């Protein structure tokens, strides 16, 4: 079945440019309004079946909504500060406090450095266009071509946001949640079982749990032991594997996923339930992998879904008033899409080879 997730969006299932008259698989002709030649003994289902599409960006990221259509960049600041101890107190653990006395004449001062980080807010737009004959034909067929084209624009809008959030844009050199160069990348260790390999399908449940806890501990340590991560994104195949495969516990057989959710470091330390979610964009996102291609190097992302840590700037979708040009009705739908803002790169980590 034709799917917008895997095909060029300007062509149909057989490679014919959309919006033109084309022949169906059974040899019949159809135009852009969906006017089929229906046989006398044929029962045509009038339901409008959209392409198979799935987007999940709103589940995995918080929005930065203070940006407007007039803004061309979104930015934020990162502050670093230093405050040395009093003279002679040293700078090691257990020393370095800012003590003063009654006769102190030299008092240390705190230093502050503020760095601004920004990214472009790129204009996104799609034109809604149809002719008066198209509209009249659609009315007679009972298929509102104007509403269907609006649905197409909304669908394309959601798909582009989904891609921009997770992997960014290669042509604009913009990173995403799974591809930021500012984030630490680590390869999983190979299993001790005969044959080796870093893939979870070759590991025991305890080795998979150890991978999760290593990723959580490392990310926690990178934050200076300030923040335990609570969300893990993995490719759908690995998500399916740990959901289906079983492990024996004192209470009976449970899935590896449930075993991990009950025994991971974040949950055991009181940081809250660990959310494990499937991310299709993690397929092939690892170092040396090919994005979207199975059998290469997949990636796991460990982070905290929090507006203060990571977010995505964008404006709501707007439209111009409907314009009339000859027999055409036109309107433009537009917005601005930014790039992922990882405010604290030390609270997120990538793990390849699962």
Protein backbone atom coordinates (compact mmCIF):
# COMPACT_ATOMS: atom_id res chain seq x y z
CA UNK A 1 0.00 0.00 0.00
CA UNK A 2 1.24 3.49 -0.83
CA UNK A 3 2.53 5.31 2.24
CA UNK A 4 3.65 8.94 2.51
CA UNK A 5 6.22 7.88 5.11
CA UNK A 6 8.25 5.97 2.53
CA UNK A 7 7.57 7.55 -0.87
CA UNK A 8 8.04 10.85 -2.61
CA UNK A 9 5.01 12.91 -1.72
CA UNK A 10 4.51 14.35 -5.21
CA UNK A 11 3.94 10.98 -6.89
CA UNK A 12 1.24 8.35 -6.62
CA UNK A 13 1.76 4.62 -6.04
CA UNK A 14 2.86 3.98 -9.62
CA UNK A 15 5.06 7.06 -9.99
CA UNK A 16 2.54 9.34 -11.73
CA UNK A 17 2.64 13.02 -10.61
CA UNK A 18 -0.28 13.77 -8.31
CA UNK A 19 -2.95 16.17 -9.53
CA UNK A 20 -3.01 14.68 -13.04
CA UNK A 21 -5.30 12.20 -14.75
CA UNK A 22 -3.97 8.65 -14.35
CA UNK A 23 -4.92 5.01 -14.91
CA UNK A 24 -5.74 2.69 -11.98
CA UNK A 25 -4.44 -0.87 -11.60
CA UNK A 26 -7.58 -2.26 -13.24
CA UNK A 27 -7.16 -0.07 -16.32
CA UNK A 28 -9.70 2.65 -15.47
CA UNK A 29 -9.06 6.37 -15.54
CA UNK A 30 -9.44 8.78 -12.61
CA UNK A 31 -8.82 12.51 -12.29
CA UNK A 32 -7.84 14.65 -9.30
CA UNK A 33 -11.46 15.00 -8.15
CA UNK A 34 -11.81 11.22 -7.84
CA UNK A 35 -14.28 10.75 -10.71
CA UNK A 36 -14.07 6.99 -11.40
CA UNK A 37 -15.78 5.02 -14.11
CA UNK A 38 -17.83 2.58 -12.04
CA UNK A 39 -19.28 -0.60 -13.53
CA UNK A 40 -22.97 -1.41 -13.20
CA UNK A 41 -22.32 -4.37 -10.92
CA UNK A 42 -19.55 -2.66 -8.97
CA UNK A 43 -20.00 -1.37 -5.41
CA UNK A 44 -17.64 1.57 -4.83
CA UNK A 45 -16.83 2.41 -1.20
CA UNK A 46 -17.17 6.24 -0.99
CA UNK A 47 -14.92 6.45 2.09
CA UNK A 48 -11.85 8.66 1.62
CA UNK A 49 -8.88 6.44 2.56
CA UNK A 50 -5.86 8.56 3.42
CA UNK A 51 -2.25 7.31 3.10
CA UNK A 52 -0.80 5.47 6.08
CA UNK A 53 0.99 8.05 8.21
CA UNK A 54 2.08 8.13 11.84
CA UNK A 55 3.51 11.09 13.73
CA UNK A 56 4.56 11.11 17.39
CA UNK A 57 6.44 14.38 17.91
CA UNK A 58 3.86 15.83 20.32
CA UNK A 59 4.36 12.83 22.62
CA UNK A 60 8.14 13.24 22.92
CA UNK A 61 8.82 16.98 22.98
CA UNK A 62 7.47 20.15 24.59
CA UNK A 63 6.76 23.17 22.39
CA UNK A 64 8.25 26.61 22.76
CA UNK A 65 5.23 28.74 21.89
CA UNK A 66 6.48 32.25 22.64
CA UNK A 67 7.82 32.66 19.09
CA UNK A 68 5.77 34.57 16.50
CA UNK A 69 5.49 34.61 12.73
CA UNK A 70 7.50 37.86 12.71
CA UNK A 71 10.50 36.29 14.45
CA UNK A 72 13.33 34.99 12.27
CA UNK A 73 15.42 33.38 15.02
CA UNK A 74 14.77 31.74 18.37
CA UNK A 75 17.47 31.80 21.00
CA UNK A 76 18.19 31.06 24.63
CA UNK A 77 21.07 31.69 26.99
CA UNK A 78 23.32 29.32 28.89
CA UNK A 79 24.95 30.66 32.04
CA UNK A 80 28.12 29.45 33.71
CA UNK A 81 29.35 30.75 37.04
CA UNK A 82 32.43 30.43 39.21
CA UNK A 83 32.93 31.29 42.84
CA UNK A 84 36.36 30.47 44.27
CA UNK A 85 36.92 29.85 47.95
CA UNK A 86 38.59 32.29 50.28
CA UNK A 87 42.34 32.74 50.11
CA UNK A 88 44.17 29.72 51.45
CA UNK A 89 41.11 27.45 51.66
CA UNK A 90 42.02 25.36 48.58
CA UNK A 91 39.73 24.16 45.83
CA UNK A 92 39.17 20.46 46.54
CA UNK A 93 36.22 18.54 47.95
CA UNK A 94 35.68 19.56 51.55
CA UNK A 95 37.51 22.86 51.08
CA UNK A 96 37.05 26.04 49.08
CA UNK A 97 34.22 27.63 51.10
CA UNK A 98 33.90 31.41 51.07
CA UNK A 99 34.86 32.02 54.68
CA UNK A 100 35.54 35.53 55.91
CA UNK A 101 36.59 36.90 59.26
CA UNK A 102 36.24 40.11 61.22
CA UNK A 103 39.54 41.42 59.88
CA UNK A 104 39.20 40.16 56.28
CA UNK A 105 40.34 42.75 53.74
CA UNK A 106 40.11 40.71 50.52
CA UNK A 107 36.77 39.07 49.74
CA UNK A 108 36.37 36.85 46.67
CA UNK A 109 33.77 37.71 44.04
CA UNK A 110 31.48 35.50 41.99
CA UNK A 111 31.99 35.42 38.20
CA UNK A 112 29.26 34.90 35.63
CA UNK A 113 29.47 34.08 31.92
CA UNK A 114 26.35 34.11 29.73
CA UNK A 115 26.40 32.52 26.27
CA UNK A 116 23.60 32.97 23.74
CA UNK A 117 22.60 30.06 21.48
CA UNK A 118 20.19 30.55 18.61
CA UNK A 119 18.70 28.90 15.57
CA UNK A 120 16.66 30.06 12.57
CA UNK A 121 12.87 30.00 12.41
CA UNK A 122 12.32 28.91 8.82
CA UNK A 123 9.12 29.78 6.96
CA UNK A 124 7.01 26.78 5.95
CA UNK A 125 4.20 27.12 3.43
CA UNK A 126 1.77 25.18 1.24
CA UNK A 127 -0.70 26.58 -1.26
CA UNK A 128 -4.31 25.45 -1.36
CA UNK A 129 -5.48 25.74 -4.97
CA UNK A 130 -8.43 24.39 -6.91
CA UNK A 131 -10.49 25.52 -9.90
CA UNK A 132 -14.19 26.30 -10.03
CA UNK A 133 -14.81 23.29 -12.37
CA UNK A 134 -12.95 21.04 -9.90
CA UNK A 135 -15.11 22.33 -7.06
CA UNK A 136 -18.35 21.88 -9.03
CA UNK A 137 -17.37 18.37 -10.08
CA UNK A 138 -16.50 17.48 -6.50
CA UNK A 139 -19.86 18.79 -5.29
CA UNK A 140 -21.68 16.57 -7.79
CA UNK A 141 -19.58 13.60 -6.67
CA UNK A 142 -20.16 14.36 -2.98
CA UNK A 143 -16.41 14.59 -2.39
CA UNK A 144 -15.36 18.06 -1.13
CA UNK A 145 -12.08 18.64 -2.98
CA UNK A 146 -11.35 21.81 -0.98
CA UNK A 147 -11.58 20.02 2.37
CA UNK A 148 -9.57 17.06 1.10
CA UNK A 149 -6.76 19.37 -0.04
CA UNK A 150 -6.82 21.10 3.37
CA UNK A 151 -6.47 17.66 4.96
CA UNK A 152 -3.46 17.00 2.71
CA UNK A 153 -1.81 20.27 3.81
CA UNK A 154 -2.44 19.53 7.50
CA UNK A 155 -1.03 16.04 7.04
CA UNK A 156 2.10 17.34 5.27
CA UNK A 157 2.51 19.93 8.03
CA UNK A 158 2.45 17.26 10.73
CA UNK A 159 4.84 15.01 8.81
CA UNK A 160 7.36 17.80 8.31
CA UNK A 161 7.23 18.73 12.01
CA UNK A 162 7.74 15.07 12.95
CA UNK A 163 10.85 14.82 10.77
CA UNK A 164 12.19 18.19 11.93
CA UNK A 165 11.80 17.31 15.62
CA UNK A 166 13.53 13.92 15.45
CA UNK A 167 16.25 14.28 12.80
CA UNK A 168 16.21 17.95 11.76
CA UNK A 169 16.93 18.91 8.16
CA UNK A 170 20.02 17.88 6.20
CA UNK A 171 19.73 20.63 3.58
CA UNK A 172 19.61 23.34 6.29
CA UNK A 173 22.20 21.54 8.45
CA UNK A 174 19.81 21.51 11.40
CA UNK A 175 19.95 18.70 13.99
CA UNK A 176 17.07 16.93 15.69
CA UNK A 177 16.37 15.15 18.95
CA UNK A 178 18.21 12.06 17.68
CA UNK A 179 21.03 13.72 15.72
CA UNK A 180 22.46 16.62 17.73
CA UNK A 181 26.29 16.89 17.58
CA UNK A 182 26.24 18.43 21.07
CA UNK A 183 25.04 15.17 22.65
CA UNK A 184 27.38 12.43 23.89
CA UNK A 185 27.38 9.25 21.78
CA UNK A 186 28.33 5.80 23.13
CA UNK A 187 28.30 2.28 21.66
CA UNK A 188 26.75 -0.55 23.65
CA UNK A 189 29.04 -3.33 24.83
CA UNK A 190 28.82 -6.75 23.19
CA UNK A 191 27.09 -9.65 24.90
CA UNK A 192 29.10 -12.32 26.73
CA UNK A 193 27.13 -15.03 24.96
CA UNK A 194 28.83 -17.08 22.22
CA UNK A 195 28.82 -15.22 18.94
CA UNK A 196 28.96 -11.76 20.56
CA UNK A 197 27.11 -8.76 19.18
CA UNK A 198 25.67 -5.58 20.72
CA UNK A 199 22.11 -6.19 19.52
CA UNK A 200 19.48 -6.89 22.19
CA UNK A 201 18.23 -9.91 20.25
CA UNK A 202 21.55 -11.56 21.17
CA UNK A 203 21.54 -10.50 24.82
CA UNK A 204 19.98 -11.88 27.97
CA UNK A 205 17.27 -9.88 29.80
CA UNK A 206 19.77 -8.99 32.53
CA UNK A 207 22.24 -7.71 29.91
CA UNK A 208 19.50 -5.56 28.37
CA UNK A 209 18.61 -4.20 31.81
CA UNK A 210 22.32 -3.50 32.37
CA UNK A 211 22.37 -1.49 29.11
CA UNK A 212 19.44 0.61 30.32
CA UNK A 213 20.98 1.20 33.74
CA UNK A 214 24.37 2.06 32.22
CA UNK A 215 22.72 4.63 29.94
CA UNK A 216 20.71 6.09 32.84
CA UNK A 217 23.72 6.20 35.19
CA UNK A 218 26.00 7.77 32.58
CA UNK A 219 23.44 10.46 31.72
CA UNK A 220 22.88 11.11 35.42
CA UNK A 221 26.63 11.43 35.98
CA UNK A 222 27.01 13.80 33.00
CA UNK A 223 24.48 16.13 34.64
CA UNK A 224 26.63 16.22 37.77
CA UNK A 225 24.21 13.81 39.50
CA UNK A 226 21.54 16.53 39.27
CA UNK A 227 18.90 14.89 37.06
CA UNK A 228 17.87 11.28 36.50
CA UNK A 229 16.51 10.77 32.95
CA UNK A 230 12.95 9.46 32.75
CA UNK A 231 12.37 8.81 29.02
CA UNK A 232 14.01 6.38 26.59
CA UNK A 233 13.32 6.28 22.85
CA UNK A 234 14.18 3.13 20.89
CA UNK A 235 13.46 1.82 17.36
CA UNK A 236 10.13 -0.02 16.86
CA UNK A 237 11.78 -3.44 16.25
CA UNK A 238 13.64 -3.35 19.57
CA UNK A 239 10.50 -2.02 21.29
CA UNK A 240 8.56 -4.97 19.91
CA UNK A 241 11.25 -7.42 20.99
CA UNK A 242 11.40 -6.34 24.64
CA UNK A 243 7.59 -6.18 24.74
CA UNK A 244 7.13 -9.73 23.43
CA UNK A 245 10.15 -11.59 24.91
CA UNK A 246 9.62 -12.97 28.40
CA UNK A 247 11.79 -13.24 31.51
CA UNK A 248 11.18 -15.41 34.57
CA UNK A 249 10.73 -13.51 37.85
CA UNK A 250 9.57 -14.42 41.34
CA UNK A 251 6.02 -13.43 40.34
CA UNK A 252 6.07 -15.44 37.09
CA UNK A 253 6.79 -14.66 33.45
CA UNK A 254 6.78 -10.98 32.50
CA UNK A 255 7.96 -9.10 29.40
CA UNK A 256 11.50 -7.73 29.31
CA UNK A 257 9.97 -4.26 29.00
CA UNK A 258 8.04 -4.62 32.25
CA UNK A 259 11.10 -6.15 33.92
CA UNK A 260 13.13 -3.08 32.91
CA UNK A 261 10.39 -0.64 33.95
CA UNK A 262 10.28 -2.18 37.45
CA UNK A 263 14.05 -2.55 37.99
CA UNK A 264 15.71 0.41 36.30
CA UNK A 265 17.74 2.94 38.27
CA UNK A 266 15.40 5.91 37.69
CA UNK A 267 12.33 4.11 39.03
CA UNK A 268 14.20 2.50 41.91
CA UNK A 269 15.65 5.87 42.94
CA UNK A 270 12.23 7.55 43.09
CA UNK A 271 12.59 9.73 39.96
CA UNK A 272 9.30 8.36 38.63
CA UNK A 273 8.27 5.76 36.09
CA UNK A 274 10.67 5.26 33.19
CA UNK A 275 8.83 5.88 29.92
CA UNK A 276 10.06 3.62 27.09
CA UNK A 277 8.65 4.71 23.73
CA UNK A 278 9.14 3.57 20.11
CA UNK A 279 10.68 6.10 17.71
CA UNK A 280 10.73 5.15 14.03
CA UNK A 281 13.32 7.86 13.31
CA UNK A 282 15.80 6.01 15.58
CA UNK A 283 16.15 3.33 12.87
CA UNK A 284 19.64 3.70 11.38
CA UNK A 285 20.27 6.94 13.34
CA UNK A 286 23.42 5.57 15.01
CA UNK A 287 26.96 6.44 13.97
CA UNK A 288 27.64 4.61 10.70
CA UNK A 289 23.96 3.80 10.14
CA UNK A 290 21.61 4.86 7.34
CA UNK A 291 18.55 6.79 8.50
CA UNK A 292 15.38 4.76 8.07
CA UNK A 293 17.19 1.63 6.91
CA UNK A 294 16.88 -1.47 9.06
CA UNK A 295 19.89 -3.71 9.57
CA UNK A 296 22.34 -0.80 9.97
CA UNK A 297 23.20 0.96 13.26
CA UNK A 298 20.18 1.89 15.37
CA UNK A 299 20.16 4.43 18.20
CA UNK A 300 18.63 4.79 21.66
CA UNK A 301 18.09 8.27 23.15
CA UNK A 302 17.94 8.80 26.93
CA UNK A 303 16.62 12.15 28.19
CA UNK A 304 14.08 14.02 30.31
CA UNK A 305 11.01 15.41 28.58
CA UNK A 306 10.97 18.85 30.19
CA UNK A 307 10.55 22.30 28.66
CA UNK A 308 13.54 23.54 30.68
CA UNK A 309 15.81 20.83 29.19
CA UNK A 310 14.73 20.33 25.57
CA UNK A 311 11.99 21.88 23.41
CA UNK A 312 10.96 22.72 19.85
CA UNK A 313 10.06 26.27 18.73
CA UNK A 314 7.27 26.72 16.19
CA UNK A 315 4.28 28.93 15.41
CA UNK A 316 0.70 27.79 14.79
CA UNK A 317 -0.39 27.12 11.20
CA UNK A 318 -2.06 30.20 9.67
CA UNK A 319 -3.67 30.96 6.31
CA UNK A 320 -4.18 33.92 4.03
CA UNK A 321 -7.68 34.96 2.91
CA UNK A 322 -9.04 33.02 -0.07
CA UNK A 323 -8.07 34.74 -3.31
CA UNK A 324 -9.76 34.52 -6.69
CA UNK A 325 -7.61 34.45 -9.82
CA UNK A 326 -9.42 33.57 -13.02
CA UNK A 327 -11.06 30.19 -12.40
CA UNK A 328 -8.72 29.44 -9.48
CA UNK A 329 -9.38 29.73 -5.77
CA UNK A 330 -6.13 30.08 -3.81
CA UNK A 331 -4.99 30.39 -0.21
CA UNK A 332 -1.59 29.89 1.43
CA UNK A 333 -1.09 28.04 4.69
CA UNK A 334 2.10 29.04 6.48
CA UNK A 335 4.01 28.95 9.77
CA UNK A 336 7.57 28.99 11.10
CA UNK A 337 9.44 25.88 12.18
CA UNK A 338 12.60 26.15 14.26
CA UNK A 339 15.19 23.57 15.21
CA UNK A 340 15.36 21.49 18.35
CA UNK A 341 16.69 23.41 21.36
CA UNK A 342 18.69 21.21 23.73
CA UNK A 343 19.22 23.64 26.58
CA UNK A 344 21.24 21.18 28.69
CA UNK A 345 23.12 18.75 26.39
CA UNK A 346 24.52 16.96 29.45
CA UNK A 347 21.04 15.70 30.37
CA UNK A 348 20.63 13.67 27.16
CA UNK A 349 22.72 10.85 25.65
CA UNK A 350 22.78 8.58 22.57
CA UNK A 351 23.50 4.83 22.64
CA UNK A 352 24.21 3.01 19.37
CA UNK A 353 24.14 -0.62 18.30
CA UNK A 354 21.16 -1.93 20.26
